[in-house]
């Protein structure tokens, strides 16, 4: 059994999986705690008081996992914990990693934007064929990873500071430095994608999944994105939850998220975003890697015994 903890800018997530010889990777459990450490990091530069909340969430995950392992008879549990955009920006990231290690005995690994992109592509390619020119966008709270490729192969990737929490906080606090960063990153994304016309555009990340769940649609077209933005923009976050059933921790950041989706869809010249069923994101790809490593290790041990 493998357990992956993904510390993002908007939430911390747990994925528990195992391997089945006939079905491949089997997801046993998912959990999520909306910490939103990005709001602290993007405005102050520090995770600060959120360190204890991170530790508390991981302790909660550990208790859940221990219960699962006992119920299913798993003796060996492998953990992998990663952090993304907010932690990349945090000046106290080393302090956070040390505190997490001391309290939970789990190492917290910092992923680069390129590593995020590679994992996002693997998560998609494992479950969804990518024929012809394609684009994969993984939209998080702090950053947007964009992968451009052809027939399942990566051509280039880049990370942009256009995450929904970062963009929302820039507007909310009228933070000139953050707003200037958002403008610069929009221009950089357009230049990065210039000349690419994606036949397929895949959207990953919590906001994509939330919109998919609310609308029951797997294809989000440009005109629809504009129409839905106009519909919910005048509403308060509470009204968006009430009338459109958006999750509470997504309702306030949905407008910049839609703007990021619209911007990226235009940049890659695709007709719509596809939100594929059964594709989680980087945690799924990491779990698959851990399971493969475990399987390879078991096979090597078996061969050694034969020798």
C-alpha atoms as a PDB file:
ATOM      1  CA  UNK A   1       0.000   0.000   0.000  1.00  0.00           C
ATOM      2  CA  UNK A   2       1.292   3.455  -0.902  1.00  0.00           C
ATOM      3  CA  UNK A   3       0.243   6.826   0.488  1.00  0.00           C
ATOM      4  CA  UNK A   4       0.874  10.118  -1.287  1.00  0.00           C
ATOM      5  CA  UNK A   5       0.502  13.499   0.406  1.00  0.00           C
ATOM      6  CA  UNK A   6       0.272  16.486  -1.939  1.00  0.00           C
ATOM      7  CA  UNK A   7       0.710  19.863  -0.202  1.00  0.00           C
ATOM      8  CA  UNK A   8      -0.698  22.414  -2.623  1.00  0.00           C
ATOM      9  CA  UNK A   9      -1.392  26.124  -2.370  1.00  0.00           C
ATOM     10  CA  UNK A  10      -5.114  25.668  -1.753  1.00  0.00           C
ATOM     11  CA  UNK A  11      -5.305  22.286  -0.008  1.00  0.00           C
ATOM     12  CA  UNK A  12      -3.392  19.277   1.231  1.00  0.00           C
ATOM     13  CA  UNK A  13      -4.461  15.938  -0.231  1.00  0.00           C
ATOM     14  CA  UNK A  14      -4.033  12.267   0.536  1.00  0.00           C
ATOM     15  CA  UNK A  15      -4.192   9.399  -1.937  1.00  0.00           C
ATOM     16  CA  UNK A  16      -3.951   5.781  -0.800  1.00  0.00           C
ATOM     17  CA  UNK A  17      -3.512   3.082  -3.437  1.00  0.00           C
ATOM     18  CA  UNK A  18      -2.502  -0.508  -3.946  1.00  0.00           C
ATOM     19  CA  UNK A  19      -1.732  -2.765  -6.899  1.00  0.00           C
ATOM     20  CA  UNK A  20      -3.974  -5.471  -8.300  1.00  0.00           C
ATOM     21  CA  UNK A  21      -2.582  -7.924 -10.845  1.00  0.00           C
ATOM     22  CA  UNK A  22      -5.696  -7.716 -13.025  1.00  0.00           C
ATOM     23  CA  UNK A  23      -6.703  -4.065 -12.549  1.00  0.00           C
ATOM     24  CA  UNK A  24      -3.388  -2.296 -12.056  1.00  0.00           C
ATOM     25  CA  UNK A  25      -3.436   0.588  -9.582  1.00  0.00           C
ATOM     26  CA  UNK A  26      -6.472   0.590  -7.315  1.00  0.00           C
ATOM     27  CA  UNK A  27      -7.382   3.767  -5.399  1.00  0.00           C
ATOM     28  CA  UNK A  28      -8.387   2.841  -1.859  1.00  0.00           C
ATOM     29  CA  UNK A  29      -8.973   6.282  -0.414  1.00  0.00           C
ATOM     30  CA  UNK A  30      -8.754  10.005  -1.123  1.00  0.00           C
ATOM     31  CA  UNK A  31      -8.963  12.846   1.379  1.00  0.00           C
ATOM     32  CA  UNK A  32      -8.489  16.591   1.286  1.00  0.00           C
ATOM     33  CA  UNK A  33      -8.096  19.385   3.841  1.00  0.00           C
ATOM     34  CA  UNK A  34      -8.458  22.986   2.518  1.00  0.00           C
ATOM     35  CA  UNK A  35      -5.548  24.703   4.293  1.00  0.00           C
ATOM     36  CA  UNK A  36      -4.854  27.386   1.687  1.00  0.00           C
ATOM     37  CA  UNK A  37      -1.268  28.092   2.715  1.00  0.00           C
ATOM     38  CA  UNK A  38      -0.889  30.048  -0.531  1.00  0.00           C
ATOM     39  CA  UNK A  39      -2.746  33.058   0.877  1.00  0.00           C
ATOM     40  CA  UNK A  40      -0.118  33.400   3.586  1.00  0.00           C
ATOM     41  CA  UNK A  41       2.876  32.718   1.341  1.00  0.00           C
ATOM     42  CA  UNK A  42       1.834  34.960  -1.555  1.00  0.00           C
ATOM     43  CA  UNK A  43       1.229  37.962   0.738  1.00  0.00           C
ATOM     44  CA  UNK A  44       3.879  37.526   3.477  1.00  0.00           C
ATOM     45  CA  UNK A  45       6.397  35.154   1.918  1.00  0.00           C
ATOM     46  CA  UNK A  46       6.028  32.683   4.806  1.00  0.00           C
ATOM     47  CA  UNK A  47       3.930  29.641   5.699  1.00  0.00           C
ATOM     48  CA  UNK A  48       4.112  30.899   9.300  1.00  0.00           C
ATOM     49  CA  UNK A  49       1.382  29.698  11.662  1.00  0.00           C
ATOM     50  CA  UNK A  50       0.079  27.270   9.040  1.00  0.00           C
ATOM     51  CA  UNK A  51       2.917  24.862   9.836  1.00  0.00           C
ATOM     52  CA  UNK A  52       0.952  23.307  12.697  1.00  0.00           C
ATOM     53  CA  UNK A  53      -2.141  23.002  10.508  1.00  0.00           C
ATOM     54  CA  UNK A  54      -0.067  21.077   7.939  1.00  0.00           C
ATOM     55  CA  UNK A  55       1.207  18.731  10.642  1.00  0.00           C
ATOM     56  CA  UNK A  56      -2.292  18.233  12.055  1.00  0.00           C
ATOM     57  CA  UNK A  57      -3.606  17.338   8.586  1.00  0.00           C
ATOM     58  CA  UNK A  58      -0.836  14.773   8.035  1.00  0.00           C
ATOM     59  CA  UNK A  59      -1.481  13.260  11.468  1.00  0.00           C
ATOM     60  CA  UNK A  60      -5.132  12.937  10.436  1.00  0.00           C
ATOM     61  CA  UNK A  61      -4.048  11.215   7.206  1.00  0.00           C
ATOM     62  CA  UNK A  62      -1.787   8.847   9.144  1.00  0.00           C
ATOM     63  CA  UNK A  63      -4.660   7.785  11.411  1.00  0.00           C
ATOM     64  CA  UNK A  64      -6.893   7.166   8.384  1.00  0.00           C
ATOM     65  CA  UNK A  65      -4.190   5.128   6.704  1.00  0.00           C
ATOM     66  CA  UNK A  66      -3.478   3.056   9.788  1.00  0.00           C
ATOM     67  CA  UNK A  67      -7.163   2.171   9.991  1.00  0.00           C
ATOM     68  CA  UNK A  68      -7.211   1.232   6.286  1.00  0.00           C
ATOM     69  CA  UNK A  69      -4.120  -0.940   6.612  1.00  0.00           C
ATOM     70  CA  UNK A  70      -5.629  -2.838   9.554  1.00  0.00           C
ATOM     71  CA  UNK A  71      -8.958  -3.338   7.783  1.00  0.00           C
ATOM     72  CA  UNK A  72      -7.295  -4.629   4.598  1.00  0.00           C
ATOM     73  CA  UNK A  73      -4.414  -6.549   6.159  1.00  0.00           C
ATOM     74  CA  UNK A  74      -1.626  -4.449   4.625  1.00  0.00           C
ATOM     75  CA  UNK A  75       1.665  -4.773   6.498  1.00  0.00           C
ATOM     76  CA  UNK A  76       3.929  -2.546   4.417  1.00  0.00           C
ATOM     77  CA  UNK A  77       3.067   1.122   3.885  1.00  0.00           C
ATOM     78  CA  UNK A  78       5.170   3.464   1.752  1.00  0.00           C
ATOM     79  CA  UNK A  79       4.772   7.225   2.113  1.00  0.00           C
ATOM     80  CA  UNK A  80       5.634  10.030  -0.290  1.00  0.00           C
ATOM     81  CA  UNK A  81       4.925  13.668   0.544  1.00  0.00           C
ATOM     82  CA  UNK A  82       5.446  16.487  -1.950  1.00  0.00           C
ATOM     83  CA  UNK A  83       4.873  20.234  -1.988  1.00  0.00           C
ATOM     84  CA  UNK A  84       4.326  22.525  -4.950  1.00  0.00           C
ATOM     85  CA  UNK A  85       3.972  26.216  -5.832  1.00  0.00           C
ATOM     86  CA  UNK A  86       3.371  27.878  -2.454  1.00  0.00           C
ATOM     87  CA  UNK A  87       6.229  25.997  -0.846  1.00  0.00           C
ATOM     88  CA  UNK A  88       8.510  26.878  -3.752  1.00  0.00           C
ATOM     89  CA  UNK A  89       7.895  30.538  -2.881  1.00  0.00           C
ATOM     90  CA  UNK A  90       7.985  30.185   0.914  1.00  0.00           C
ATOM     91  CA  UNK A  91      11.061  31.623   2.618  1.00  0.00           C
ATOM     92  CA  UNK A  92      10.534  29.263   5.565  1.00  0.00           C
ATOM     93  CA  UNK A  93      10.132  26.095   3.462  1.00  0.00           C
ATOM     94  CA  UNK A  94      13.129  24.400   5.118  1.00  0.00           C
ATOM     95  CA  UNK A  95      11.597  25.084   8.539  1.00  0.00           C
ATOM     96  CA  UNK A  96       8.299  23.584   7.352  1.00  0.00           C
ATOM     97  CA  UNK A  97       9.993  20.446   6.025  1.00  0.00           C
ATOM     98  CA  UNK A  98      11.965  20.004   9.272  1.00  0.00           C
ATOM     99  CA  UNK A  99       8.852  20.427  11.421  1.00  0.00           C
ATOM    100  CA  UNK A 100       6.901  17.937   9.297  1.00  0.00           C
ATOM    101  CA  UNK A 101       9.745  15.396   9.478  1.00  0.00           C
ATOM    102  CA  UNK A 102      10.098  15.773  13.245  1.00  0.00           C
ATOM    103  CA  UNK A 103       6.362  15.415  13.942  1.00  0.00           C
ATOM    104  CA  UNK A 104       5.332  12.825  11.339  1.00  0.00           C
ATOM    105  CA  UNK A 105       8.585  11.040  10.332  1.00  0.00           C
ATOM    106  CA  UNK A 106       7.703  11.830   6.707  1.00  0.00           C
ATOM    107  CA  UNK A 107      10.103  13.651   4.374  1.00  0.00           C
ATOM    108  CA  UNK A 108       8.511  16.536   2.483  1.00  0.00           C
ATOM    109  CA  UNK A 109       9.935  16.839  -1.038  1.00  0.00           C
ATOM    110  CA  UNK A 110       9.718  20.070  -3.014  1.00  0.00           C
ATOM    111  CA  UNK A 111       8.676  19.576  -6.644  1.00  0.00           C
ATOM    112  CA  UNK A 112       9.823  21.932  -9.382  1.00  0.00           C
ATOM    113  CA  UNK A 113       7.344  23.216 -11.934  1.00  0.00           C
ATOM    114  CA  UNK A 114       8.925  20.920 -14.543  1.00  0.00           C
ATOM    115  CA  UNK A 115       8.528  17.896 -12.276  1.00  0.00           C
ATOM    116  CA  UNK A 116       4.865  18.803 -11.735  1.00  0.00           C
ATOM    117  CA  UNK A 117       4.359  18.998 -15.485  1.00  0.00           C
ATOM    118  CA  UNK A 118       5.960  15.592 -16.108  1.00  0.00           C
ATOM    119  CA  UNK A 119       3.786  13.995 -13.424  1.00  0.00           C
ATOM    120  CA  UNK A 120       0.647  15.667 -14.764  1.00  0.00           C
ATOM    121  CA  UNK A 121       1.349  14.316 -18.250  1.00  0.00           C
ATOM    122  CA  UNK A 122       1.931  10.834 -16.906  1.00  0.00           C
ATOM    123  CA  UNK A 123      -1.348  10.938 -14.960  1.00  0.00           C
ATOM    124  CA  UNK A 124      -3.195  11.816 -18.158  1.00  0.00           C
ATOM    125  CA  UNK A 125      -1.334   9.522 -20.561  1.00  0.00           C
ATOM    126  CA  UNK A 126      -1.892   6.493 -18.314  1.00  0.00           C
ATOM    127  CA  UNK A 127      -5.684   6.816 -18.590  1.00  0.00           C
ATOM    128  CA  UNK A 128      -6.373   8.930 -21.666  1.00  0.00           C
ATOM    129  CA  UNK A 129      -4.849   8.547 -25.167  1.00  0.00           C
ATOM    130  CA  UNK A 130      -3.301  11.720 -26.567  1.00  0.00           C
ATOM    131  CA  UNK A 131      -3.381  11.613 -30.370  1.00  0.00           C
ATOM    132  CA  UNK A 132      -2.044  14.447 -32.490  1.00  0.00           C
ATOM    133  CA  UNK A 133      -1.077  17.838 -31.037  1.00  0.00           C
ATOM    134  CA  UNK A 134      -2.242  18.213 -27.440  1.00  0.00           C
ATOM    135  CA  UNK A 135      -2.030  20.451 -24.394  1.00  0.00           C
ATOM    136  CA  UNK A 136      -2.371  19.543 -20.719  1.00  0.00           C
ATOM    137  CA  UNK A 137      -2.968  22.264 -18.150  1.00  0.00           C
ATOM    138  CA  UNK A 138      -2.693  21.522 -14.424  1.00  0.00           C
ATOM    139  CA  UNK A 139      -4.288  24.501 -12.681  1.00  0.00           C
ATOM    140  CA  UNK A 140      -3.575  24.784  -8.970  1.00  0.00           C
ATOM    141  CA  UNK A 141      -3.800  27.465  -6.345  1.00  0.00           C
ATOM    142  CA  UNK A 142      -0.319  28.870  -6.901  1.00  0.00           C
ATOM    143  CA  UNK A 143       0.678  27.935 -10.422  1.00  0.00           C
ATOM    144  CA  UNK A 144      -0.453  26.631 -13.761  1.00  0.00           C
ATOM    145  CA  UNK A 145       1.672  23.938 -15.398  1.00  0.00           C
ATOM    146  CA  UNK A 146       1.265  23.769 -19.159  1.00  0.00           C
ATOM    147  CA  UNK A 147       2.458  20.818 -21.218  1.00  0.00           C
ATOM    148  CA  UNK A 148       2.524  20.941 -25.000  1.00  0.00           C
ATOM    149  CA  UNK A 149       3.074  17.772 -26.945  1.00  0.00           C
ATOM    150  CA  UNK A 150       2.403  15.526 -29.928  1.00  0.00           C
ATOM    151  CA  UNK A 151       1.037  11.954 -29.947  1.00  0.00           C
ATOM    152  CA  UNK A 152       1.547  11.441 -26.232  1.00  0.00           C
ATOM    153  CA  UNK A 153       5.105  12.815 -26.232  1.00  0.00           C
ATOM    154  CA  UNK A 154       6.127  16.004 -24.443  1.00  0.00           C
ATOM    155  CA  UNK A 155       7.518  18.752 -26.675  1.00  0.00           C
ATOM    156  CA  UNK A 156       7.925  21.417 -23.989  1.00  0.00           C
ATOM    157  CA  UNK A 157       6.518  22.420 -20.616  1.00  0.00           C
ATOM    158  CA  UNK A 158       6.529  25.465 -18.369  1.00  0.00           C
ATOM    159  CA  UNK A 159       5.178  26.631 -15.040  1.00  0.00           C
ATOM    160  CA  UNK A 160       3.351  29.950 -14.746  1.00  0.00           C
ATOM    161  CA  UNK A 161       2.436  31.887 -11.599  1.00  0.00           C
ATOM    162  CA  UNK A 162      -1.222  31.989 -12.609  1.00  0.00           C
ATOM    163  CA  UNK A 163      -2.741  29.824  -9.887  1.00  0.00           C
ATOM    164  CA  UNK A 164      -6.271  30.678  -8.791  1.00  0.00           C
ATOM    165  CA  UNK A 165      -5.381  31.581  -5.186  1.00  0.00           C
ATOM    166  CA  UNK A 166      -2.411  33.729  -6.231  1.00  0.00           C
ATOM    167  CA  UNK A 167      -4.513  35.547  -8.862  1.00  0.00           C
ATOM    168  CA  UNK A 168      -7.448  35.981  -6.461  1.00  0.00           C
ATOM    169  CA  UNK A 169      -5.259  37.430  -3.695  1.00  0.00           C
ATOM    170  CA  UNK A 170      -3.568  39.817  -6.118  1.00  0.00           C
ATOM    171  CA  UNK A 171      -6.963  41.313  -6.982  1.00  0.00           C
ATOM    172  CA  UNK A 172      -8.449  41.069  -3.491  1.00  0.00           C
ATOM    173  CA  UNK A 173      -5.611  42.973  -1.806  1.00  0.00           C
ATOM    174  CA  UNK A 174      -4.818  45.139  -4.836  1.00  0.00           C
ATOM    175  CA  UNK A 175      -1.240  43.921  -4.498  1.00  0.00           C
ATOM    176  CA  UNK A 176       0.645  45.778  -7.223  1.00  0.00           C
ATOM    177  CA  UNK A 177       3.602  43.419  -7.186  1.00  0.00           C
ATOM    178  CA  UNK A 178       1.368  40.348  -7.524  1.00  0.00           C
ATOM    179  CA  UNK A 179      -0.769  42.035 -10.182  1.00  0.00           C
ATOM    180  CA  UNK A 180       2.347  42.892 -12.180  1.00  0.00           C
ATOM    181  CA  UNK A 181       3.447  39.255 -11.885  1.00  0.00           C
ATOM    182  CA  UNK A 182       0.055  38.056 -13.155  1.00  0.00           C
ATOM    183  CA  UNK A 183       0.265  40.384 -16.178  1.00  0.00           C
ATOM    184  CA  UNK A 184       3.827  39.276 -16.941  1.00  0.00           C
ATOM    185  CA  UNK A 185       2.926  35.588 -16.631  1.00  0.00           C
ATOM    186  CA  UNK A 186      -0.040  35.962 -18.980  1.00  0.00           C
ATOM    187  CA  UNK A 187       2.270  37.393 -21.642  1.00  0.00           C
ATOM    188  CA  UNK A 188       4.820  34.658 -20.999  1.00  0.00           C
ATOM    189  CA  UNK A 189       2.179  31.946 -21.395  1.00  0.00           C
ATOM    190  CA  UNK A 190       0.975  33.375 -24.702  1.00  0.00           C
ATOM    191  CA  UNK A 191       4.544  33.477 -26.015  1.00  0.00           C
ATOM    192  CA  UNK A 192       5.218  29.925 -24.791  1.00  0.00           C
ATOM    193  CA  UNK A 193       2.165  28.468 -26.564  1.00  0.00           C
ATOM    194  CA  UNK A 194       2.471  30.537 -29.745  1.00  0.00           C
ATOM    195  CA  UNK A 195       2.199  28.485 -32.907  1.00  0.00           C
ATOM    196  CA  UNK A 196       0.747  25.398 -31.211  1.00  0.00           C
ATOM    197  CA  UNK A 197      -2.770  24.329 -32.132  1.00  0.00           C
ATOM    198  CA  UNK A 198      -3.966  21.596 -29.810  1.00  0.00           C
ATOM    199  CA  UNK A 199      -6.376  19.015 -31.127  1.00  0.00           C
ATOM    200  CA  UNK A 200      -6.966  17.892 -27.539  1.00  0.00           C
ATOM    201  CA  UNK A 201      -6.734  20.070 -24.410  1.00  0.00           C
ATOM    202  CA  UNK A 202      -6.864  18.298 -21.049  1.00  0.00           C
ATOM    203  CA  UNK A 203      -7.644  20.176 -17.838  1.00  0.00           C
ATOM    204  CA  UNK A 204      -6.362  18.920 -14.478  1.00  0.00           C
ATOM    205  CA  UNK A 205      -6.646  20.331 -10.969  1.00  0.00           C
ATOM    206  CA  UNK A 206      -9.276  20.926  -8.343  1.00  0.00           C
ATOM    207  CA  UNK A 207     -11.105  23.751 -10.090  1.00  0.00           C
ATOM    208  CA  UNK A 208     -11.460  21.760 -13.309  1.00  0.00           C
ATOM    209  CA  UNK A 209     -12.817  18.834 -11.310  1.00  0.00           C
ATOM    210  CA  UNK A 210     -15.216  21.049  -9.351  1.00  0.00           C
ATOM    211  CA  UNK A 211     -16.670  22.619 -12.493  1.00  0.00           C
ATOM    212  CA  UNK A 212     -16.997  19.168 -14.042  1.00  0.00           C
ATOM    213  CA  UNK A 213     -18.876  17.907 -10.972  1.00  0.00           C
ATOM    214  CA  UNK A 214     -21.159  20.955 -10.836  1.00  0.00           C
ATOM    215  CA  UNK A 215     -21.992  21.086 -14.545  1.00  0.00           C
ATOM    216  CA  UNK A 216     -21.827  17.321 -15.267  1.00  0.00           C
ATOM    217  CA  UNK A 217     -19.969  18.234 -18.443  1.00  0.00           C
ATOM    218  CA  UNK A 218     -16.618  16.781 -19.484  1.00  0.00           C
ATOM    219  CA  UNK A 219     -16.121  19.365 -22.252  1.00  0.00           C
ATOM    220  CA  UNK A 220     -15.806  23.051 -21.363  1.00  0.00           C
ATOM    221  CA  UNK A 221     -15.966  25.203 -24.496  1.00  0.00           C
ATOM    222  CA  UNK A 222     -14.691  28.777 -24.806  1.00  0.00           C
ATOM    223  CA  UNK A 223     -18.144  30.324 -25.195  1.00  0.00           C
ATOM    224  CA  UNK A 224     -19.431  28.354 -22.224  1.00  0.00           C
ATOM    225  CA  UNK A 225     -16.541  29.526 -20.022  1.00  0.00           C
ATOM    226  CA  UNK A 226     -17.338  33.163 -20.867  1.00  0.00           C
ATOM    227  CA  UNK A 227     -21.063  32.659 -20.319  1.00  0.00           C
ATOM    228  CA  UNK A 228     -20.612  30.932 -16.973  1.00  0.00           C
ATOM    229  CA  UNK A 229     -18.154  33.593 -15.812  1.00  0.00           C
ATOM    230  CA  UNK A 230     -20.693  36.337 -16.622  1.00  0.00           C
ATOM    231  CA  UNK A 231     -23.362  34.370 -14.758  1.00  0.00           C
ATOM    232  CA  UNK A 232     -21.499  33.893 -11.483  1.00  0.00           C
ATOM    233  CA  UNK A 233     -19.252  36.984 -11.374  1.00  0.00           C
ATOM    234  CA  UNK A 234     -21.940  39.229  -9.775  1.00  0.00           C
ATOM    235  CA  UNK A 235     -22.648  36.631  -7.072  1.00  0.00           C
ATOM    236  CA  UNK A 236     -20.975  36.477  -3.682  1.00  0.00           C
ATOM    237  CA  UNK A 237     -19.020  33.318  -2.797  1.00  0.00           C
ATOM    238  CA  UNK A 238     -21.906  32.296  -0.524  1.00  0.00           C
ATOM    239  CA  UNK A 239     -24.407  32.689  -3.376  1.00  0.00           C
ATOM    240  CA  UNK A 240     -22.178  30.641  -5.688  1.00  0.00           C
ATOM    241  CA  UNK A 241     -22.233  27.840  -3.135  1.00  0.00           C
ATOM    242  CA  UNK A 242     -26.002  28.110  -2.655  1.00  0.00           C
ATOM    243  CA  UNK A 243     -27.135  28.495  -6.249  1.00  0.00           C
ATOM    244  CA  UNK A 244     -24.428  26.588  -8.146  1.00  0.00           C
ATOM    245  CA  UNK A 245     -23.185  24.123  -5.510  1.00  0.00           C
ATOM    246  CA  UNK A 246     -19.552  25.157  -5.799  1.00  0.00           C
ATOM    247  CA  UNK A 247     -17.316  23.939  -2.957  1.00  0.00           C
ATOM    248  CA  UNK A 248     -16.814  26.637  -0.310  1.00  0.00           C
ATOM    249  CA  UNK A 249     -13.057  26.815  -0.792  1.00  0.00           C
ATOM    250  CA  UNK A 250     -13.450  27.147  -4.584  1.00  0.00           C
ATOM    251  CA  UNK A 251     -16.277  29.688  -4.680  1.00  0.00           C
ATOM    252  CA  UNK A 252     -14.104  32.744  -4.026  1.00  0.00           C
ATOM    253  CA  UNK A 253     -11.342  31.774  -6.484  1.00  0.00           C
ATOM    254  CA  UNK A 254     -13.546  30.576  -9.345  1.00  0.00           C
ATOM    255  CA  UNK A 255     -13.380  33.827 -11.369  1.00  0.00           C
ATOM    256  CA  UNK A 256      -9.569  33.977 -11.701  1.00  0.00           C
ATOM    257  CA  UNK A 257      -9.623  30.217 -12.324  1.00  0.00           C
ATOM    258  CA  UNK A 258     -12.042  30.704 -15.224  1.00  0.00           C
ATOM    259  CA  UNK A 259      -9.869  33.542 -16.534  1.00  0.00           C
ATOM    260  CA  UNK A 260      -6.823  31.258 -16.440  1.00  0.00           C
ATOM    261  CA  UNK A 261      -8.746  28.527 -18.274  1.00  0.00           C
ATOM    262  CA  UNK A 262      -9.950  30.961 -20.926  1.00  0.00           C
ATOM    263  CA  UNK A 263      -6.507  32.493 -21.412  1.00  0.00           C
ATOM    264  CA  UNK A 264      -4.800  29.110 -21.767  1.00  0.00           C
ATOM    265  CA  UNK A 265      -7.443  27.636 -24.068  1.00  0.00           C
ATOM    266  CA  UNK A 266      -7.025  30.595 -26.429  1.00  0.00           C
ATOM    267  CA  UNK A 267      -3.236  30.356 -26.248  1.00  0.00           C
ATOM    268  CA  UNK A 268      -3.180  26.698 -27.327  1.00  0.00           C
ATOM    269  CA  UNK A 269      -5.903  27.343 -29.964  1.00  0.00           C
ATOM    270  CA  UNK A 270      -8.110  24.479 -28.768  1.00  0.00           C
ATOM    271  CA  UNK A 271     -11.901  24.267 -28.991  1.00  0.00           C
ATOM    272  CA  UNK A 272     -12.578  23.098 -25.442  1.00  0.00           C
ATOM    273  CA  UNK A 273     -11.111  21.742 -22.252  1.00  0.00           C
ATOM    274  CA  UNK A 274     -11.671  18.047 -21.666  1.00  0.00           C
ATOM    275  CA  UNK A 275     -11.872  16.949 -18.029  1.00  0.00           C
ATOM    276  CA  UNK A 276     -11.263  13.189 -18.203  1.00  0.00           C
ATOM    277  CA  UNK A 277     -12.944  10.774 -15.829  1.00  0.00           C
ATOM    278  CA  UNK A 278     -10.698   8.888 -13.447  1.00  0.00           C
ATOM    279  CA  UNK A 279      -7.653  11.160 -13.820  1.00  0.00           C
ATOM    280  CA  UNK A 280      -6.644  12.693 -10.507  1.00  0.00           C
ATOM    281  CA  UNK A 281      -3.359  14.503 -11.034  1.00  0.00           C
ATOM    282  CA  UNK A 282       0.207  14.416  -9.773  1.00  0.00           C
ATOM    283  CA  UNK A 283      -0.684  12.317  -6.707  1.00  0.00           C
ATOM    284  CA  UNK A 284      -1.953   9.556  -8.995  1.00  0.00           C
ATOM    285  CA  UNK A 285       1.277   9.594 -11.004  1.00  0.00           C
ATOM    286  CA  UNK A 286       3.381   9.517  -7.833  1.00  0.00           C
ATOM    287  CA  UNK A 287       1.361   6.599  -6.446  1.00  0.00           C
ATOM    288  CA  UNK A 288       1.878   4.717  -9.706  1.00  0.00           C
ATOM    289  CA  UNK A 289       5.644   5.345  -9.490  1.00  0.00           C
ATOM    290  CA  UNK A 290       5.779   4.057  -5.907  1.00  0.00           C
ATOM    291  CA  UNK A 291       3.817   0.935  -6.794  1.00  0.00           C
ATOM    292  CA  UNK A 292       6.080   0.230  -9.769  1.00  0.00           C
ATOM    293  CA  UNK A 293       9.179   0.688  -7.601  1.00  0.00           C
ATOM    294  CA  UNK A 294       7.748  -1.705  -5.012  1.00  0.00           C
ATOM    295  CA  UNK A 295       6.868  -4.276  -7.681  1.00  0.00           C
ATOM    296  CA  UNK A 296      10.336  -4.035  -9.251  1.00  0.00           C
ATOM    297  CA  UNK A 297      11.958  -4.418  -5.849  1.00  0.00           C
ATOM    298  CA  UNK A 298       9.905  -7.539  -5.116  1.00  0.00           C
ATOM    299  CA  UNK A 299      10.815  -9.024  -8.514  1.00  0.00           C
ATOM    300  CA  UNK A 300      14.520  -8.342  -7.946  1.00  0.00           C
ATOM    301  CA  UNK A 301      14.377  -9.989  -4.534  1.00  0.00           C
ATOM    302  CA  UNK A 302      12.692 -13.027  -6.085  1.00  0.00           C
ATOM    303  CA  UNK A 303      15.433 -13.286  -8.699  1.00  0.00           C
ATOM    304  CA  UNK A 304      18.127 -12.963  -6.021  1.00  0.00           C
ATOM    305  CA  UNK A 305      16.556 -15.824  -4.107  1.00  0.00           C
ATOM    306  CA  UNK A 306      16.598 -17.956  -7.236  1.00  0.00           C
ATOM    307  CA  UNK A 307      20.301 -17.229  -7.722  1.00  0.00           C
END
